[in-house]
Amino acid sequence: MAARKRNRARMDIIATILSAAISGERMTHIMYKANLNYALVKDCVKGLIAAGLIEEVQTGKAIVFKTTPKGLSFVSDFNALKASLAEAT
């Protein structure tokens, strides 16, 4: 029997988007790095901006999204929690 493909949880998606935007990336690059569709990334980024986890930065003609210090803290805490849970099981 083939292995069932498991969908990512919302928190995994958020952590992936924040990790992809650490150095400041355009929406399309975040989409490719996170392996997500544009509509989902756009929706998540809007919520992450509202939560203060990511910021929109105008660089010349392009708009890039950069993870804030609060977002970096989230990614660090999330990865630590995930590692602790993996050790416990």
PDB file of N, CA and C in Angstrom:
ATOM      1  N   MET A   1       0.839  -1.176   0.000  1.00  0.00           N
ATOM      2  CA  MET A   1       0.000   0.000   0.000  1.00  0.00           C
ATOM      3  C   MET A   1       0.889   1.247   0.000  1.00  0.00           C
ATOM      4  N   ALA A   2       0.562   2.226  -0.788  1.00  0.00           N
ATOM      5  CA  ALA A   2       1.361   3.453  -0.889  1.00  0.00           C
ATOM      6  C   ALA A   2       1.236   4.277   0.392  1.00  0.00           C
ATOM      7  N   ALA A   3       2.327   4.935   0.730  1.00  0.00           N
ATOM      8  CA  ALA A   3       2.319   5.798   1.916  1.00  0.00           C
ATOM      9  C   ALA A   3       1.420   7.004   1.639  1.00  0.00           C
ATOM     10  N   ARG A   4       0.656   7.373   2.623  1.00  0.00           N
ATOM     11  CA  ARG A   4      -0.256   8.505   2.492  1.00  0.00           C
ATOM     12  C   ARG A   4       0.505   9.808   2.678  1.00  0.00           C
ATOM     13  N   LYS A   5       0.313  10.740   1.777  1.00  0.00           N
ATOM     14  CA  LYS A   5       0.967  12.035   1.868  1.00  0.00           C
ATOM     15  C   LYS A   5       0.257  12.876   2.928  1.00  0.00           C
ATOM     16  N   ARG A   6       1.015  13.424   3.844  1.00  0.00           N
ATOM     17  CA  ARG A   6       0.455  14.200   4.937  1.00  0.00           C
ATOM     18  C   ARG A   6       0.567  15.690   4.637  1.00  0.00           C
ATOM     19  N   ASN A   7      -0.500  16.415   4.825  1.00  0.00           N
ATOM     20  CA  ASN A   7      -0.489  17.865   4.642  1.00  0.00           C
ATOM     21  C   ASN A   7       0.210  18.532   5.828  1.00  0.00           C
ATOM     22  N   ARG A   8       0.795  19.680   5.553  1.00  0.00           N
ATOM     23  CA  ARG A   8       1.458  20.426   6.623  1.00  0.00           C
ATOM     24  C   ARG A   8       0.445  21.173   7.473  1.00  0.00           C
ATOM     25  N   ALA A   9       0.752  21.267   8.743  1.00  0.00           N
ATOM     26  CA  ALA A   9      -0.083  22.031   9.672  1.00  0.00           C
ATOM     27  C   ALA A   9       0.141  23.523   9.430  1.00  0.00           C
ATOM     28  N   ARG A  10      -0.802  24.331   9.841  1.00  0.00           N
ATOM     29  CA  ARG A  10      -0.732  25.794   9.645  1.00  0.00           C
ATOM     30  C   ARG A  10       0.541  26.372  10.265  1.00  0.00           C
ATOM     31  N   MET A  11       0.915  25.900  11.451  1.00  0.00           N
ATOM     32  CA  MET A  11       2.121  26.412  12.119  1.00  0.00           C
ATOM     33  C   MET A  11       3.385  26.054  11.336  1.00  0.00           C
ATOM     34  N   ASP A  12       3.412  24.869  10.723  1.00  0.00           N
ATOM     35  CA  ASP A  12       4.550  24.487   9.876  1.00  0.00           C
ATOM     36  C   ASP A  12       4.662  25.428   8.680  1.00  0.00           C
ATOM     37  N   ILE A  13       3.530  25.759   8.093  1.00  0.00           N
ATOM     38  CA  ILE A  13       3.511  26.666   6.944  1.00  0.00           C
ATOM     39  C   ILE A  13       4.002  28.049   7.348  1.00  0.00           C
ATOM     40  N   ILE A  14       3.541  28.538   8.484  1.00  0.00           N
ATOM     41  CA  ILE A  14       3.968  29.847   8.975  1.00  0.00           C
ATOM     42  C   ILE A  14       5.471  29.861   9.224  1.00  0.00           C
ATOM     43  N   ALA A  15       5.980  28.832   9.894  1.00  0.00           N
ATOM     44  CA  ALA A  15       7.424  28.758  10.173  1.00  0.00           C
ATOM     45  C   ALA A  15       8.224  28.688   8.881  1.00  0.00           C
ATOM     46  N   THR A  16       7.729  27.973   7.882  1.00  0.00           N
ATOM     47  CA  THR A  16       8.418  27.861   6.593  1.00  0.00           C
ATOM     48  C   THR A  16       8.459  29.211   5.883  1.00  0.00           C
ATOM     49  N   ILE A  17       7.343  29.937   5.892  1.00  0.00           N
ATOM     50  CA  ILE A  17       7.298  31.260   5.255  1.00  0.00           C
ATOM     51  C   ILE A  17       8.248  32.221   5.965  1.00  0.00           C
ATOM     52  N   LEU A  18       8.230  32.216   7.289  1.00  0.00           N
ATOM     53  CA  LEU A  18       9.122  33.101   8.043  1.00  0.00           C
ATOM     54  C   LEU A  18      10.582  32.752   7.794  1.00  0.00           C
ATOM     55  N   SER A  19      10.894  31.473   7.708  1.00  0.00           N
ATOM     56  CA  SER A  19      12.270  31.047   7.433  1.00  0.00           C
ATOM     57  C   SER A  19      12.707  31.462   6.033  1.00  0.00           C
ATOM     58  N   ALA A  20      11.789  31.377   5.078  1.00  0.00           N
ATOM     59  CA  ALA A  20      12.103  31.760   3.696  1.00  0.00           C
ATOM     60  C   ALA A  20      12.349  33.257   3.559  1.00  0.00           C
ATOM     61  N   ALA A  21      11.754  34.059   4.450  1.00  0.00           N
ATOM     62  CA  ALA A  21      11.837  35.519   4.333  1.00  0.00           C
ATOM     63  C   ALA A  21      12.875  36.141   5.263  1.00  0.00           C
ATOM     64  N   ILE A  22      13.732  35.350   5.863  1.00  0.00           N
ATOM     65  CA  ILE A  22      14.703  35.891   6.825  1.00  0.00           C
ATOM     66  C   ILE A  22      15.579  36.970   6.200  1.00  0.00           C
ATOM     67  N   SER A  23      16.066  36.741   5.003  1.00  0.00           N
ATOM     68  CA  SER A  23      16.961  37.723   4.386  1.00  0.00           C
ATOM     69  C   SER A  23      16.231  38.744   3.527  1.00  0.00           C
ATOM     70  N   GLY A  24      14.898  38.659   3.486  1.00  0.00           N
ATOM     71  CA  GLY A  24      14.105  39.581   2.676  1.00  0.00           C
ATOM     72  C   GLY A  24      13.917  39.019   1.285  1.00  0.00           C
ATOM     73  N   GLU A  25      12.708  38.611   0.968  1.00  0.00           N
ATOM     74  CA  GLU A  25      12.416  37.994  -0.325  1.00  0.00           C
ATOM     75  C   GLU A  25      11.136  38.556  -0.920  1.00  0.00           C
ATOM     76  N   ARG A  26      11.031  38.485  -2.234  1.00  0.00           N
ATOM     77  CA  ARG A  26       9.799  38.847  -2.915  1.00  0.00           C
ATOM     78  C   ARG A  26       8.785  37.727  -2.714  1.00  0.00           C
ATOM     79  N   MET A  27       7.527  38.044  -2.897  1.00  0.00           N
ATOM     80  CA  MET A  27       6.450  37.082  -2.669  1.00  0.00           C
ATOM     81  C   MET A  27       6.663  35.800  -3.479  1.00  0.00           C
ATOM     82  N   THR A  28       7.049  35.935  -4.730  1.00  0.00           N
ATOM     83  CA  THR A  28       7.245  34.768  -5.586  1.00  0.00           C
ATOM     84  C   THR A  28       8.359  33.867  -5.062  1.00  0.00           C
ATOM     85  N   HIS A  29       9.442  34.457  -4.581  1.00  0.00           N
ATOM     86  CA  HIS A  29      10.544  33.656  -4.058  1.00  0.00           C
ATOM     87  C   HIS A  29      10.144  32.929  -2.775  1.00  0.00           C
ATOM     88  N   ILE A  30       9.358  33.581  -1.948  1.00  0.00           N
ATOM     89  CA  ILE A  30       8.848  32.914  -0.740  1.00  0.00           C
ATOM     90  C   ILE A  30       7.977  31.735  -1.152  1.00  0.00           C
ATOM     91  N   MET A  31       7.147  31.940  -2.158  1.00  0.00           N
ATOM     92  CA  MET A  31       6.264  30.891  -2.651  1.00  0.00           C
ATOM     93  C   MET A  31       7.079  29.665  -3.089  1.00  0.00           C
ATOM     94  N   TYR A  32       8.143  29.882  -3.853  1.00  0.00           N
ATOM     95  CA  TYR A  32       8.962  28.769  -4.324  1.00  0.00           C
ATOM     96  C   TYR A  32       9.730  28.100  -3.187  1.00  0.00           C
ATOM     97  N   LYS A  33      10.320  28.900  -2.300  1.00  0.00           N
ATOM     98  CA  LYS A  33      11.085  28.339  -1.185  1.00  0.00           C
ATOM     99  C   LYS A  33      10.214  27.533  -0.233  1.00  0.00           C
ATOM    100  N   ALA A  34       8.980  27.986  -0.022  1.00  0.00           N
ATOM    101  CA  ALA A  34       8.067  27.315   0.896  1.00  0.00           C
ATOM    102  C   ALA A  34       7.269  26.201   0.213  1.00  0.00           C
ATOM    103  N   ASN A  35       7.362  26.126  -1.120  1.00  0.00           N
ATOM    104  CA  ASN A  35       6.639  25.124  -1.905  1.00  0.00           C
ATOM    105  C   ASN A  35       5.130  25.223  -1.655  1.00  0.00           C
ATOM    106  N   LEU A  36       4.618  26.442  -1.815  1.00  0.00           N
ATOM    107  CA  LEU A  36       3.194  26.715  -1.598  1.00  0.00           C
ATOM    108  C   LEU A  36       2.649  27.490  -2.788  1.00  0.00           C
ATOM    109  N   ASN A  37       1.329  27.505  -2.932  1.00  0.00           N
ATOM    110  CA  ASN A  37       0.749  28.275  -4.023  1.00  0.00           C
ATOM    111  C   ASN A  37       0.664  29.756  -3.635  1.00  0.00           C
ATOM    112  N   TYR A  38       0.537  30.594  -4.651  1.00  0.00           N
ATOM    113  CA  TYR A  38       0.582  32.042  -4.453  1.00  0.00           C
ATOM    114  C   TYR A  38      -0.539  32.542  -3.545  1.00  0.00           C
ATOM    115  N   ALA A  39      -1.749  32.026  -3.740  1.00  0.00           N
ATOM    116  CA  ALA A  39      -2.891  32.494  -2.949  1.00  0.00           C
ATOM    117  C   ALA A  39      -2.687  32.212  -1.462  1.00  0.00           C
ATOM    118  N   LEU A  40      -2.171  31.037  -1.134  1.00  0.00           N
ATOM    119  CA  LEU A  40      -1.937  30.688   0.268  1.00  0.00           C
ATOM    120  C   LEU A  40      -0.837  31.552   0.875  1.00  0.00           C
ATOM    121  N   VAL A  41       0.253  31.763   0.136  1.00  0.00           N
ATOM    122  CA  VAL A  41       1.346  32.601   0.638  1.00  0.00           C
ATOM    123  C   VAL A  41       0.859  34.030   0.842  1.00  0.00           C
ATOM    124  N   LYS A  42       0.118  34.551  -0.105  1.00  0.00           N
ATOM    125  CA  LYS A  42      -0.395  35.924  -0.012  1.00  0.00           C
ATOM    126  C   LYS A  42      -1.282  36.086   1.220  1.00  0.00           C
ATOM    127  N   ASP A  43      -2.171  35.123   1.448  1.00  0.00           N
ATOM    128  CA  ASP A  43      -3.064  35.154   2.602  1.00  0.00           C
ATOM    129  C   ASP A  43      -2.281  35.069   3.914  1.00  0.00           C
ATOM    130  N   CYS A  44      -1.324  34.153   3.968  1.00  0.00           N
ATOM    131  CA  CYS A  44      -0.526  33.990   5.190  1.00  0.00           C
ATOM    132  C   CYS A  44       0.332  35.219   5.473  1.00  0.00           C
ATOM    133  N   VAL A  45       0.953  35.770   4.439  1.00  0.00           N
ATOM    134  CA  VAL A  45       1.814  36.946   4.615  1.00  0.00           C
ATOM    135  C   VAL A  45       0.997  38.120   5.141  1.00  0.00           C
ATOM    136  N   LYS A  46      -0.229  38.276   4.660  1.00  0.00           N
ATOM    137  CA  LYS A  46      -1.087  39.350   5.149  1.00  0.00           C
ATOM    138  C   LYS A  46      -1.328  39.198   6.661  1.00  0.00           C
ATOM    139  N   GLY A  47      -1.601  37.982   7.100  1.00  0.00           N
ATOM    140  CA  GLY A  47      -1.802  37.720   8.527  1.00  0.00           C
ATOM    141  C   GLY A  47      -0.538  37.885   9.340  1.00  0.00           C
ATOM    142  N   LEU A  48       0.596  37.488   8.767  1.00  0.00           N
ATOM    143  CA  LEU A  48       1.881  37.618   9.469  1.00  0.00           C
ATOM    144  C   LEU A  48       2.283  39.083   9.617  1.00  0.00           C
ATOM    145  N   ILE A  49       1.946  39.907   8.627  1.00  0.00           N
ATOM    146  CA  ILE A  49       2.207  41.350   8.737  1.00  0.00           C
ATOM    147  C   ILE A  49       1.368  41.928   9.874  1.00  0.00           C
ATOM    148  N   ALA A  50       0.093  41.541   9.917  1.00  0.00           N
ATOM    149  CA  ALA A  50      -0.806  42.036  10.972  1.00  0.00           C
ATOM    150  C   ALA A  50      -0.333  41.613  12.361  1.00  0.00           C
ATOM    151  N   ALA A  51       0.280  40.437  12.443  1.00  0.00           N
ATOM    152  CA  ALA A  51       0.769  39.925  13.727  1.00  0.00           C
ATOM    153  C   ALA A  51       2.154  40.472  14.083  1.00  0.00           C
ATOM    154  N   GLY A  52       2.788  41.184  13.157  1.00  0.00           N
ATOM    155  CA  GLY A  52       4.107  41.751  13.418  1.00  0.00           C
ATOM    156  C   GLY A  52       5.240  40.751  13.277  1.00  0.00           C
ATOM    157  N   LEU A  53       4.997  39.647  12.574  1.00  0.00           N
ATOM    158  CA  LEU A  53       6.029  38.621  12.404  1.00  0.00           C
ATOM    159  C   LEU A  53       6.839  38.806  11.129  1.00  0.00           C
ATOM    160  N   ILE A  54       6.301  39.575  10.206  1.00  0.00           N
ATOM    161  CA  ILE A  54       6.977  39.845   8.937  1.00  0.00           C
ATOM    162  C   ILE A  54       6.668  41.286   8.567  1.00  0.00           C
ATOM    163  N   GLU A  55       7.583  41.923   7.842  1.00  0.00           N
ATOM    164  CA  GLU A  55       7.353  43.307   7.442  1.00  0.00           C
ATOM    165  C   GLU A  55       7.531  43.451   5.938  1.00  0.00           C
ATOM    166  N   GLU A  56       6.836  44.417   5.388  1.00  0.00           N
ATOM    167  CA  GLU A  56       6.915  44.731   3.971  1.00  0.00           C
ATOM    168  C   GLU A  56       7.904  45.873   3.806  1.00  0.00           C
ATOM    169  N   VAL A  57       8.902  45.675   2.939  1.00  0.00           N
ATOM    170  CA  VAL A  57       9.946  46.675   2.747  1.00  0.00           C
ATOM    171  C   VAL A  57      10.012  47.040   1.272  1.00  0.00           C
ATOM    172  N   GLN A  58       9.976  48.347   0.977  1.00  0.00           N
ATOM    173  CA  GLN A  58      10.090  48.830  -0.398  1.00  0.00           C
ATOM    174  C   GLN A  58      11.568  48.997  -0.733  1.00  0.00           C
ATOM    175  N   THR A  59      12.046  48.268  -1.745  1.00  0.00           N
ATOM    176  CA  THR A  59      13.437  48.390  -2.183  1.00  0.00           C
ATOM    177  C   THR A  59      13.437  48.747  -3.664  1.00  0.00           C
ATOM    178  N   GLY A  60      13.625  50.009  -3.951  1.00  0.00           N
ATOM    179  CA  GLY A  60      13.566  50.443  -5.348  1.00  0.00           C
ATOM    180  C   GLY A  60      12.171  50.231  -5.897  1.00  0.00           C
ATOM    181  N   LYS A  61      12.057  49.430  -6.957  1.00  0.00           N
ATOM    182  CA  LYS A  61      10.757  49.140  -7.557  1.00  0.00           C
ATOM    183  C   LYS A  61      10.083  47.932  -6.914  1.00  0.00           C
ATOM    184  N   ALA A  62      10.859  47.098  -6.251  1.00  0.00           N
ATOM    185  CA  ALA A  62      10.327  45.843  -5.715  1.00  0.00           C
ATOM    186  C   ALA A  62       9.889  45.977  -4.255  1.00  0.00           C
ATOM    187  N   ILE A  63       8.926  45.162  -3.900  1.00  0.00           N
ATOM    188  CA  ILE A  63       8.498  45.046  -2.507  1.00  0.00           C
ATOM    189  C   ILE A  63       8.988  43.689  -2.021  1.00  0.00           C
ATOM    190  N   VAL A  64       9.733  43.696  -0.923  1.00  0.00           N
ATOM    191  CA  VAL A  64      10.208  42.443  -0.344  1.00  0.00           C
ATOM    192  C   VAL A  64       9.616  42.291   1.048  1.00  0.00           C
ATOM    193  N   PHE A  65       9.570  41.065   1.491  1.00  0.00           N
ATOM    194  CA  PHE A  65       9.036  40.752   2.815  1.00  0.00           C
ATOM    195  C   PHE A  65      10.170  40.189   3.650  1.00  0.00           C
ATOM    196  N   LYS A  66      10.322  40.725   4.850  1.00  0.00           N
ATOM    197  CA  LYS A  66      11.432  40.364   5.721  1.00  0.00           C
ATOM    198  C   LYS A  66      10.906  39.971   7.089  1.00  0.00           C
ATOM    199  N   THR A  67      11.437  38.891   7.615  1.00  0.00           N
ATOM    200  CA  THR A  67      11.038  38.419   8.931  1.00  0.00           C
ATOM    201  C   THR A  67      11.528  39.394   9.996  1.00  0.00           C
ATOM    202  N   THR A  68      10.653  39.770  10.911  1.00  0.00           N
ATOM    203  CA  THR A  68      10.998  40.691  11.995  1.00  0.00           C
ATOM    204  C   THR A  68      11.677  39.920  13.130  1.00  0.00           C
ATOM    205  N   PRO A  69      12.278  40.625  14.094  1.00  0.00           N
ATOM    206  CA  PRO A  69      12.850  39.937  15.260  1.00  0.00           C
ATOM    207  C   PRO A  69      11.815  39.070  15.995  1.00  0.00           C
ATOM    208  N   LYS A  70      10.570  39.551  16.053  1.00  0.00           N
ATOM    209  CA  LYS A  70       9.496  38.763  16.664  1.00  0.00           C
ATOM    210  C   LYS A  70       9.263  37.475  15.862  1.00  0.00           C
ATOM    211  N   GLY A  71       9.331  37.572  14.543  1.00  0.00           N
ATOM    212  CA  GLY A  71       9.181  36.407  13.675  1.00  0.00           C
ATOM    213  C   GLY A  71      10.331  35.428  13.836  1.00  0.00           C
ATOM    214  N   LEU A  72      11.550  35.956  13.965  1.00  0.00           N
ATOM    215  CA  LEU A  72      12.721  35.096  14.190  1.00  0.00           C
ATOM    216  C   LEU A  72      12.601  34.336  15.505  1.00  0.00           C
ATOM    217  N   SER A  73      12.079  35.009  16.516  1.00  0.00           N
ATOM    218  CA  SER A  73      11.850  34.374  17.809  1.00  0.00           C
ATOM    219  C   SER A  73      10.821  33.255  17.675  1.00  0.00           C
ATOM    220  N   PHE A  74       9.766  33.506  16.908  1.00  0.00           N
ATOM    221  CA  PHE A  74       8.750  32.483  16.673  1.00  0.00           C
ATOM    222  C   PHE A  74       9.359  31.252  16.016  1.00  0.00           C
ATOM    223  N   VAL A  75      10.157  31.455  14.970  1.00  0.00           N
ATOM    224  CA  VAL A  75      10.771  30.332  14.249  1.00  0.00           C
ATOM    225  C   VAL A  75      11.683  29.538  15.183  1.00  0.00           C
ATOM    226  N   SER A  76      12.480  30.243  15.970  1.00  0.00           N
ATOM    227  CA  SER A  76      13.389  29.585  16.910  1.00  0.00           C
ATOM    228  C   SER A  76      12.617  28.766  17.939  1.00  0.00           C
ATOM    229  N   ASP A  77      11.598  29.361  18.535  1.00  0.00           N
ATOM    230  CA  ASP A  77      10.785  28.659  19.535  1.00  0.00           C
ATOM    231  C   ASP A  77      10.039  27.477  18.921  1.00  0.00           C
ATOM    232  N   PHE A  78       9.504  27.671  17.726  1.00  0.00           N
ATOM    233  CA  PHE A  78       8.762  26.601  17.054  1.00  0.00           C
ATOM    234  C   PHE A  78       9.668  25.414  16.749  1.00  0.00           C
ATOM    235  N   ASN A  79      10.865  25.699  16.235  1.00  0.00           N
ATOM    236  CA  ASN A  79      11.807  24.617  15.925  1.00  0.00           C
ATOM    237  C   ASN A  79      12.253  23.881  17.182  1.00  0.00           C
ATOM    238  N   ALA A  80      12.465  24.613  18.276  1.00  0.00           N
ATOM    239  CA  ALA A  80      12.849  23.986  19.543  1.00  0.00           C
ATOM    240  C   ALA A  80      11.721  23.091  20.066  1.00  0.00           C
ATOM    241  N   LEU A  81      10.495  23.563  19.982  1.00  0.00           N
ATOM    242  CA  LEU A  81       9.343  22.782  20.432  1.00  0.00           C
ATOM    243  C   LEU A  81       9.192  21.520  19.574  1.00  0.00           C
ATOM    244  N   LYS A  82       9.342  21.687  18.275  1.00  0.00           N
ATOM    245  CA  LYS A  82       9.231  20.548  17.360  1.00  0.00           C
ATOM    246  C   LYS A  82      10.302  19.503  17.661  1.00  0.00           C
ATOM    247  N   ALA A  83      11.529  19.957  17.948  1.00  0.00           N
ATOM    248  CA  ALA A  83      12.616  19.037  18.282  1.00  0.00           C
ATOM    249  C   ALA A  83      12.340  18.324  19.594  1.00  0.00           C
ATOM    250  N   SER A  84      11.818  19.037  20.566  1.00  0.00           N
ATOM    251  CA  SER A  84      11.487  18.424  21.877  1.00  0.00           C
ATOM    252  C   SER A  84      10.410  17.369  21.723  1.00  0.00           C
ATOM    253  N   LEU A  85       9.412  17.659  20.913  1.00  0.00           N
ATOM    254  CA  LEU A  85       8.340  16.683  20.686  1.00  0.00           C
ATOM    255  C   LEU A  85       8.839  15.462  19.931  1.00  0.00           C
ATOM    256  N   ALA A  86       9.765  15.663  19.011  1.00  0.00           N
ATOM    257  CA  ALA A  86      10.326  14.541  18.252  1.00  0.00           C
ATOM    258  C   ALA A  86      11.129  13.625  19.173  1.00  0.00           C
ATOM    259  N   GLU A  87      11.838  14.204  20.129  1.00  0.00           N
ATOM    260  CA  GLU A  87      12.617  13.409  21.095  1.00  0.00           C
ATOM    261  C   GLU A  87      11.706  12.634  22.031  1.00  0.00           C
ATOM    262  N   ALA A  88      10.551  13.199  22.357  1.00  0.00           N
ATOM    263  CA  ALA A  88       9.638  12.567  23.306  1.00  0.00           C
ATOM    264  C   ALA A  88       8.913  11.364  22.713  1.00  0.00           C
ATOM    265  N   THR A  89       8.817  11.308  21.388  1.00  0.00           N
ATOM    266  CA  THR A  89       8.078  10.197  20.770  1.00  0.00           C
ATOM    267  C   THR A  89       8.977   9.104  20.296  1.00  0.00           C
TER     268      THR A  89
END
